[in-house]
N, C-alpha and C. Protein backbone atom coordinates (compact mmCIF):
# COMPACT_ATOMS: atom_id res chain seq x y z
N MET A 1 190.71 -75.17 -47.59
CA MET A 1 191.75 -73.55 -47.66
C MET A 1 191.66 -71.76 -48.31
N SER A 2 190.01 -72.38 -48.96
CA SER A 2 189.36 -71.32 -49.91
C SER A 2 189.51 -69.92 -49.12
N GLY A 3 188.89 -70.21 -48.01
CA GLY A 3 188.48 -69.09 -46.99
C GLY A 3 189.61 -68.22 -47.09
N TYR A 4 190.94 -68.76 -47.11
CA TYR A 4 192.09 -67.70 -46.82
C TYR A 4 192.97 -66.88 -47.79
N GLU A 5 192.40 -67.54 -49.25
CA GLU A 5 192.98 -67.05 -50.18
C GLU A 5 192.64 -66.03 -50.37
N ASN A 6 191.67 -65.36 -50.44
CA ASN A 6 191.35 -63.90 -50.87
C ASN A 6 191.76 -63.00 -49.51
N ILE A 7 192.54 -62.75 -49.17
CA ILE A 7 193.32 -61.86 -47.94
C ILE A 7 193.86 -60.94 -48.73
N VAL A 8 193.97 -59.37 -48.30
CA VAL A 8 194.69 -58.15 -48.94
C VAL A 8 195.73 -57.66 -47.93
N GLY A 9 196.78 -57.79 -48.49
CA GLY A 9 197.98 -57.46 -47.31
C GLY A 9 197.99 -56.16 -47.53
N GLY A 10 199.01 -55.57 -46.57
CA GLY A 10 199.14 -54.26 -46.36
C GLY A 10 198.70 -53.61 -45.08
N LYS A 11 198.87 -52.10 -45.27
CA LYS A 11 197.94 -51.20 -44.39
C LYS A 11 196.78 -51.01 -44.29
N LEU A 12 196.00 -50.60 -43.41
CA LEU A 12 194.65 -49.94 -43.88
C LEU A 12 194.62 -48.91 -44.09
N LYS A 13 194.19 -48.44 -45.08
CA LYS A 13 194.63 -46.82 -45.80
C LYS A 13 192.74 -46.06 -45.28
N LEU A 14 193.03 -45.20 -44.89
CA LEU A 14 191.77 -43.97 -44.14
C LEU A 14 191.84 -43.17 -44.83
N LYS A 15 190.65 -42.49 -45.17
CA LYS A 15 190.43 -41.38 -45.91
C LYS A 15 190.48 -40.05 -45.35
N GLY A 16 190.54 -39.13 -45.62
CA GLY A 16 190.30 -37.96 -45.21
C GLY A 16 192.25 -36.96 -44.01
N LYS A 17 191.94 -36.14 -43.13
CA LYS A 17 193.00 -36.02 -42.71
C LYS A 17 194.44 -36.79 -42.08
N ALA A 18 195.33 -36.93 -42.18
CA ALA A 18 196.32 -37.84 -41.39
C ALA A 18 196.00 -37.75 -40.28
N LEU A 19 196.36 -39.02 -39.09
CA LEU A 19 196.18 -38.28 -37.61
C LEU A 19 197.50 -38.43 -36.97
N ASP A 20 197.63 -37.31 -36.12
CA ASP A 20 199.14 -36.77 -35.67
C ASP A 20 199.10 -37.59 -34.67
N VAL A 21 199.68 -39.24 -34.95
CA VAL A 21 200.00 -40.01 -33.49
C VAL A 21 201.69 -39.61 -33.31
N ALA A 22 202.84 -38.92 -34.12
CA ALA A 22 204.04 -38.62 -34.01
C ALA A 22 203.99 -37.99 -32.26
N GLY A 23 203.07 -37.07 -32.25
CA GLY A 23 203.03 -36.03 -31.25
C GLY A 23 202.54 -36.57 -30.06
N GLY A 24 201.73 -37.65 -30.54
CA GLY A 24 201.30 -38.09 -29.05
C GLY A 24 200.34 -37.15 -28.29
N ILE A 25 200.04 -37.88 -27.00
CA ILE A 25 198.67 -37.02 -26.11
C ILE A 25 199.42 -35.81 -25.60
N LYS A 26 198.98 -34.95 -25.78
CA LYS A 26 199.84 -33.69 -24.83
C LYS A 26 199.28 -33.26 -23.55
N LYS A 27 199.47 -32.93 -22.20
CA LYS A 27 198.76 -32.95 -21.42
C LYS A 27 198.75 -31.15 -21.41
N LYS A 28 197.87 -30.67 -20.73
CA LYS A 28 197.98 -29.40 -20.59
C LYS A 28 198.44 -28.78 -19.52
N LYS A 29 199.13 -27.81 -19.27
CA LYS A 29 200.07 -27.47 -18.02
C LYS A 29 199.22 -26.78 -17.24
N LYS A 30 199.27 -27.26 -16.03
CA LYS A 30 198.68 -26.27 -15.03
C LYS A 30 198.98 -24.68 -14.86
N LYS A 31 197.97 -23.84 -14.59
CA LYS A 31 198.24 -22.65 -14.32
C LYS A 31 198.98 -22.40 -13.08
N ARG A 32 200.06 -21.92 -12.73
CA ARG A 32 200.24 -21.92 -10.83
C ARG A 32 199.80 -20.34 -10.68
N ALA A 33 199.13 -20.22 -9.53
CA ALA A 33 198.82 -19.24 -8.93
C ALA A 33 199.64 -18.19 -8.37
N LYS A 34 199.44 -16.87 -8.54
CA LYS A 34 200.25 -16.01 -8.25
C LYS A 34 200.78 -16.29 -6.73
N GLN A 35 199.88 -16.58 -5.84
CA GLN A 35 199.79 -16.87 -4.48
C GLN A 35 201.03 -17.41 -4.08
N PHE A 36 201.08 -18.55 -4.91
CA PHE A 36 202.08 -19.51 -4.95
C PHE A 36 203.09 -19.46 -5.39
N ASP A 37 202.93 -18.67 -6.09
CA ASP A 37 204.18 -18.15 -6.72
C ASP A 37 204.90 -16.82 -5.46
N GLU A 38 204.00 -16.38 -4.91
CA GLU A 38 204.84 -15.52 -4.09
C GLU A 38 205.05 -16.05 -2.61
N GLN A 39 204.27 -17.05 -2.42
CA GLN A 39 204.93 -18.25 -1.23
C GLN A 39 206.42 -18.35 -1.33
N VAL A 40 206.88 -19.21 -2.77
CA VAL A 40 207.88 -19.76 -3.03
C VAL A 40 208.88 -18.57 -2.71
N SER A 41 208.46 -17.58 -3.44
CA SER A 41 209.85 -16.38 -3.34
C SER A 41 210.00 -15.87 -1.60
N LYS A 42 208.86 -15.81 -1.27
CA LYS A 42 208.94 -15.39 0.19
C LYS A 42 209.63 -16.98 0.95
N ALA A 43 209.41 -17.89 0.68
CA ALA A 43 210.42 -19.27 1.59
C ALA A 43 211.86 -19.09 0.95
N LYS A 44 212.31 -18.54 -0.14
CA LYS A 44 213.63 -18.42 -0.84
C LYS A 44 214.22 -17.03 0.44
N GLU A 45 213.76 -16.42 1.22
CA GLU A 45 214.43 -15.20 1.13
C GLU A 45 215.38 -15.85 2.20
N PRO A 46 216.68 -15.51 2.27
CA PRO A 46 218.02 -15.77 3.11
C PRO A 46 217.94 -15.53 4.43
N ASP A 47 217.34 -14.62 4.99
CA ASP A 47 217.20 -14.33 6.28
C ASP A 47 216.34 -15.10 7.55
N LEU A 48 215.63 -16.40 6.92
CA LEU A 48 214.91 -17.31 7.68
C LEU A 48 215.91 -18.53 7.50
N SER A 49 215.39 -19.76 8.69
CA SER A 49 216.05 -20.72 8.29
C SER A 49 215.11 -21.23 7.27
N ALA A 50 215.58 -23.01 7.28
CA ALA A 50 214.78 -23.75 6.60
C ALA A 50 213.82 -24.09 7.09
N ALA A 51 213.49 -24.43 8.49
CA ALA A 51 212.41 -24.64 9.59
C ALA A 51 211.83 -23.60 9.26
N GLU A 52 212.08 -22.86 9.52
CA GLU A 52 211.24 -21.14 9.65
C GLU A 52 210.79 -21.11 8.50
N GLN A 53 211.20 -21.34 7.41
CA GLN A 53 210.74 -20.70 6.00
C GLN A 53 209.24 -22.18 5.87
N THR A 54 209.88 -23.62 6.33
CA THR A 54 208.75 -24.38 5.49
C THR A 54 207.47 -24.13 7.19
N GLU A 55 207.65 -23.68 8.24
CA GLU A 55 206.84 -23.35 9.21
C GLU A 55 205.72 -22.33 8.42
N LEU A 56 206.29 -21.24 8.13
CA LEU A 56 205.94 -20.05 7.54
C LEU A 56 204.98 -20.56 6.28
N ALA A 57 205.67 -21.23 5.55
CA ALA A 57 204.69 -21.45 4.13
C ALA A 57 203.75 -22.00 4.55
N ILE A 58 203.76 -23.44 5.65
CA ILE A 58 202.48 -24.28 6.19
C ILE A 58 201.73 -23.11 6.55
N THR A 59 202.14 -22.44 7.88
CA THR A 59 200.64 -21.77 8.13
C THR A 59 200.28 -20.48 7.03
N GLU A 60 200.95 -20.25 6.35
CA GLU A 60 200.18 -19.47 5.23
C GLU A 60 198.99 -20.05 4.19
N VAL A 61 199.42 -21.30 4.14
CA VAL A 61 199.05 -22.33 3.41
C VAL A 61 197.53 -22.75 4.31
N ASN A 62 197.37 -23.37 5.47
CA ASN A 62 196.26 -23.46 6.02
C ASN A 62 195.54 -22.17 6.51
N GLU A 63 196.07 -20.73 6.51
CA GLU A 63 195.13 -20.07 6.81
C GLU A 63 194.50 -19.58 5.70
N GLU A 64 195.02 -19.72 4.13
CA GLU A 64 194.17 -19.06 3.35
C GLU A 64 193.20 -20.53 3.18
N ASP A 65 193.49 -22.07 3.29
CA ASP A 65 192.51 -22.79 3.27
C ASP A 65 190.95 -22.60 3.82
N VAL A 66 191.41 -22.14 5.08
CA VAL A 66 190.31 -21.74 6.12
C VAL A 66 189.91 -20.34 5.69
N ASP A 67 190.10 -19.27 5.08
CA ASP A 67 189.47 -18.57 4.27
C ASP A 67 188.58 -18.86 3.52
N ASP A 68 189.06 -19.88 2.04
CA ASP A 68 188.92 -20.19 1.40
C ASP A 68 187.69 -21.05 1.24
N VAL A 69 187.45 -21.86 2.67
CA VAL A 69 186.14 -22.31 3.02
C VAL A 69 185.47 -21.60 3.32
N ASN A 70 185.64 -20.63 4.06
CA ASN A 70 184.63 -19.66 4.96
C ASN A 70 183.98 -19.11 3.94
N ARG A 71 184.61 -18.46 2.61
CA ARG A 71 183.88 -17.35 1.77
C ARG A 71 183.81 -18.18 0.51
N PRO A 72 182.54 -17.50 0.06
CA PRO A 72 182.16 -18.28 -0.83
C PRO A 72 183.14 -17.71 -2.20
N ASP A 73 183.35 -18.23 -3.33
CA ASP A 73 184.06 -17.72 -4.50
C ASP A 73 182.96 -16.25 -4.90
N GLY A 74 183.35 -15.38 -5.11
CA GLY A 74 182.90 -14.16 -5.79
C GLY A 74 182.88 -13.84 -6.85
N ASN A 75 184.02 -14.53 -7.62
CA ASN A 75 183.91 -15.01 -9.42
C ASN A 75 182.88 -15.66 -9.85
N THR A 76 182.41 -16.94 -9.14
CA THR A 76 181.08 -17.48 -9.64
C THR A 76 179.98 -16.51 -9.90
N ASP A 77 179.76 -15.96 -9.30
CA ASP A 77 178.31 -14.87 -8.87
C ASP A 77 178.54 -13.90 -10.18
N GLU A 78 180.10 -13.71 -10.73
CA GLU A 78 180.37 -12.18 -11.68
C GLU A 78 179.22 -13.27 -12.91
N HIS A 79 179.33 -14.55 -13.30
CA HIS A 79 179.63 -14.86 -14.82
C HIS A 79 178.02 -15.44 -14.52
N LEU A 80 177.32 -15.67 -13.10
CA LEU A 80 175.65 -15.89 -13.31
C LEU A 80 174.74 -15.35 -14.01
N THR A 81 173.67 -16.13 -14.17
CA THR A 81 172.72 -15.18 -15.08
C THR A 81 171.56 -14.94 -13.44
N PRO A 82 170.77 -14.36 -13.48
CA PRO A 82 170.06 -13.91 -12.08
C PRO A 82 168.84 -15.05 -12.38
N ALA A 83 168.51 -16.01 -12.83
CA ALA A 83 167.67 -17.21 -12.37
C ALA A 83 168.70 -18.55 -12.22
N GLU A 84 169.65 -18.29 -12.37
CA GLU A 84 171.03 -19.26 -11.47
C GLU A 84 171.56 -18.79 -10.28
N ARG A 85 171.57 -17.35 -10.04
CA ARG A 85 171.47 -17.11 -9.03
C ARG A 85 170.57 -17.45 -7.99
N ARG A 86 169.17 -17.11 -8.41
CA ARG A 86 168.45 -17.45 -7.28
C ARG A 86 168.28 -19.27 -7.29
N TYR A 87 168.44 -19.83 -8.13
CA TYR A 87 168.78 -20.87 -8.12
C TYR A 87 169.42 -21.18 -6.79
N MET A 88 170.70 -20.89 -7.34
CA MET A 88 171.85 -21.37 -6.18
C MET A 88 171.46 -20.68 -4.60
N GLU A 89 170.79 -19.33 -4.78
CA GLU A 89 170.36 -19.10 -3.55
C GLU A 89 169.19 -20.13 -2.65
N GLN A 90 168.36 -20.43 -3.40
CA GLN A 90 167.04 -21.64 -3.14
C GLN A 90 167.51 -23.02 -2.83
N ARG A 91 169.13 -23.11 -3.62
CA ARG A 91 169.56 -24.58 -3.29
C ARG A 91 169.83 -24.95 -1.54
N GLU A 92 170.89 -23.83 -1.22
CA GLU A 92 171.46 -22.83 -0.30
C GLU A 92 170.25 -23.03 0.70
N ARG A 93 169.28 -22.47 0.87
CA ARG A 93 168.14 -22.21 1.89
C ARG A 93 167.62 -23.75 2.16
N ILE A 94 167.35 -24.70 1.09
CA ILE A 94 166.77 -26.00 1.02
C ILE A 94 167.79 -26.58 1.78
N HIS A 95 169.09 -26.65 1.45
CA HIS A 95 170.19 -27.24 2.05
C HIS A 95 170.49 -26.71 3.86
N GLN A 96 170.27 -25.57 4.14
CA GLN A 96 169.96 -25.04 5.52
C GLN A 96 168.85 -25.62 6.30
N GLN A 97 167.83 -25.36 5.79
CA GLN A 97 166.70 -26.07 6.28
C GLN A 97 166.61 -27.45 6.67
N LYS A 98 167.42 -28.10 5.56
CA LYS A 98 167.64 -29.89 5.90
C LYS A 98 168.67 -30.03 7.15
N LEU A 99 169.42 -29.48 7.22
CA LEU A 99 170.05 -29.21 8.52
C LEU A 99 169.60 -28.67 9.45
N VAL A 100 169.22 -28.28 9.51
CA VAL A 100 168.22 -27.91 10.88
C VAL A 100 167.15 -29.04 11.08
N LYS A 101 166.45 -29.44 10.28
CA LYS A 101 165.76 -30.49 10.22
C LYS A 101 166.19 -31.84 10.89
N THR A 102 167.37 -31.93 10.49
CA THR A 102 168.12 -33.57 10.88
C THR A 102 168.60 -32.91 12.29
N SER A 103 169.17 -32.01 12.35
CA SER A 103 169.98 -31.85 13.69
C SER A 103 168.91 -31.80 15.08
N ASP A 104 167.18 -31.31 14.83
CA ASP A 104 166.37 -31.68 15.44
C ASP A 104 166.58 -33.01 16.13
N LYS A 105 166.32 -33.82 15.61
CA LYS A 105 165.98 -35.60 16.67
C LYS A 105 167.19 -36.22 16.44
N SER A 106 167.07 -36.49 17.08
CA SER A 106 167.97 -37.59 17.73
C SER A 106 167.82 -38.85 16.84
N HIS A 107 168.97 -39.84 16.77
CA HIS A 107 169.00 -40.99 16.11
C HIS A 107 167.35 -41.53 16.08
N ARG A 108 167.58 -42.04 17.64
CA ARG A 108 166.10 -42.96 18.52
C ARG A 108 164.88 -42.06 17.82
N ASP A 109 164.91 -40.58 17.97
CA ASP A 109 163.65 -40.21 17.44
C ASP A 109 163.21 -40.21 16.09
N ARG A 110 164.35 -40.33 15.30
CA ARG A 110 164.01 -40.56 13.91
C ARG A 110 163.79 -41.90 13.50
N ILE A 111 164.42 -42.99 14.21
CA ILE A 111 163.80 -44.47 13.96
C ILE A 111 162.53 -44.50 14.71
N GLU A 112 162.04 -43.73 15.50
CA GLU A 112 160.57 -44.38 16.59
C GLU A 112 159.76 -43.69 15.19
N ASP A 113 159.94 -42.74 14.44
CA ASP A 113 159.06 -41.77 13.51
C ASP A 113 158.94 -42.74 12.49
N PHE A 114 160.00 -43.89 11.79
CA PHE A 114 160.11 -44.34 10.74
C PHE A 114 159.28 -45.54 10.84
N ASN A 115 159.38 -45.99 12.50
CA ASN A 115 158.48 -47.21 12.42
C ASN A 115 156.93 -47.23 12.60
N GLN A 116 156.64 -45.99 13.37
CA GLN A 116 155.33 -45.39 13.35
C GLN A 116 155.09 -45.32 11.79
N TYR A 117 155.91 -44.61 10.68
CA TYR A 117 155.15 -44.53 9.64
C TYR A 117 154.65 -45.61 8.95
N LEU A 118 156.09 -46.46 8.85
CA LEU A 118 155.85 -48.03 8.46
C LEU A 118 154.50 -48.83 9.51
N ALA A 119 154.24 -48.47 10.54
CA ALA A 119 153.20 -49.22 10.83
C ALA A 119 151.67 -48.51 10.48
N ASN A 120 151.87 -47.30 10.05
CA ASN A 120 150.70 -46.91 9.58
C ASN A 120 150.03 -46.83 8.19
N MET A 121 151.75 -47.39 7.09
CA MET A 121 151.31 -47.78 5.86
C MET A 121 150.52 -49.26 5.70
N SER A 122 149.86 -48.94 4.55
CA SER A 122 148.46 -49.42 4.47
C SER A 122 149.80 -51.38 3.63
N GLU A 123 148.77 -52.41 3.73
CA GLU A 123 150.26 -53.78 3.38
C GLU A 123 150.16 -53.58 1.89
N HIS A 124 150.63 -53.05 1.30
CA HIS A 124 150.72 -53.07 -0.34
C HIS A 124 151.27 -54.20 -0.81
N TYR A 125 152.12 -55.13 -0.57
CA TYR A 125 152.81 -56.44 -0.86
C TYR A 125 151.32 -57.31 -0.08
N ASP A 126 150.41 -57.13 0.53
CA ASP A 126 149.03 -58.19 0.25
C ASP A 126 148.82 -58.50 -0.84
N ILE A 127 147.75 -59.93 -1.27
CA ILE A 127 147.41 -59.96 -2.31
C ILE A 127 145.99 -59.60 -1.73
N PRO A 128 145.47 -58.52 -2.79
CA PRO A 128 143.97 -58.17 -2.31
C PRO A 128 142.80 -59.38 -2.85
N LYS A 129 141.80 -59.31 -2.49
CA LYS A 129 141.08 -60.36 -2.35
C LYS A 129 139.92 -59.59 -3.70
N VAL A 130 139.79 -60.44 -4.72
CA VAL A 130 139.03 -60.18 -6.12
C VAL A 130 138.11 -60.94 -6.18
N GLY A 131 136.60 -61.17 -6.38
CA GLY A 131 136.09 -61.82 -6.75
C GLY A 131 134.87 -62.76 -6.04
N PRO A 132 134.60 -63.00 -6.11
CA PRO A 132 133.18 -63.82 -4.81
C PRO A 132 133.94 -64.62 -4.35
N GLY A 133 133.69 -64.91 -2.97
CA GLY A 133 134.00 -65.68 -1.96
C GLY A 133 135.75 -66.07 -2.03
């Protein structure tokens, strides 16, 4: 039991600034969009029934979602450098070309092309004959 005789008791002391463990981890609050606040205020109008209010809110949200999907964000272009802007445009062009290329051929055509490609490949896994005989 001589291995257990040199035990130091007490808590571990750390150098430096004490940690703020009493506060815990604080989550950042999400900022609410102005549009959402406007929808909530419109939904609270007493003229409409509850069913009409929810229906109105749902249609407004759906219309905004459709608009957001179709239109690219103008805010992102403002803070991009010219090189980043060109990169994004080039990436979009390449993406469009890939879509056109994949939509031209059917699945059967792609499989036939792939099989033809494999047939034309050299047999890379064969053991080459090296040396005499």
